[in-house]
Amino acid sequence: MRYFAANAAPAASGTCPPTIPYPPKKSYFVGCSGGGRDAMMAAQRMPRAFDGIVAGAPALAWLDLMTAGALTHRDFAGPSPALPVAKLPAVQAAALAACGQGRAYVADPPACRFDPAVLACGDADTANCLTPRQVDLVRQVYKGLPDPATGRLLPGLLPGAEADPGNWDFWLLRAPVNP
């Protein structure tokens, strides 16, 4: 990290003249997931090295995240998916209807109190409803799982992006639509 701030960042600013007729005025660090974790380290270790730091979805508790993902995936695994990818758009639409306030995203996911039971199937199991087992699984994904060794609650996922490519389809169902 220190090497990057001292050497790579200034060198990278030298790539701008061919495309922009003036030198950069500001220097920003932007990272997401593992890069978000790097951004958090940059903010803590070198707060003056950049004019701004954006830490998107920083994967800080990596072991907890991977353990929770493995345990959740275990519950979703099987010869036929416990929650078909085709049902994810209905789950996302219902979550956004409950918590999106008319937007295409949930601005305050921790405040969202969406209950997937609103999608419970009546007489027929369709792509727009959830079976009782599927309702329980979706609730479990939001809530998180207890660590088998400590009982401590591992992180769950937040509502509002269930059907986005590379989200639940990839991380939980291992059936990427468009990774």
Foldseek 3Di string as FASTA:
>chain_A
DVCCLVPVQVVVQVVCCVPDVDGDPFFEQEDEACSLLVLVVCCVPPVPSGPYYHRHHYCDVVVLVVLQLVVLLVLQDDPDGLQDLLLQVLQLVQQCVQAVVPDLFHPDQVVRPGQLCVQDDDPDDDSNHHHPSRSVSVVCQCFAAQDPVPRHGRHHDTGNCRNPFPPCCCSRVVHGPDD
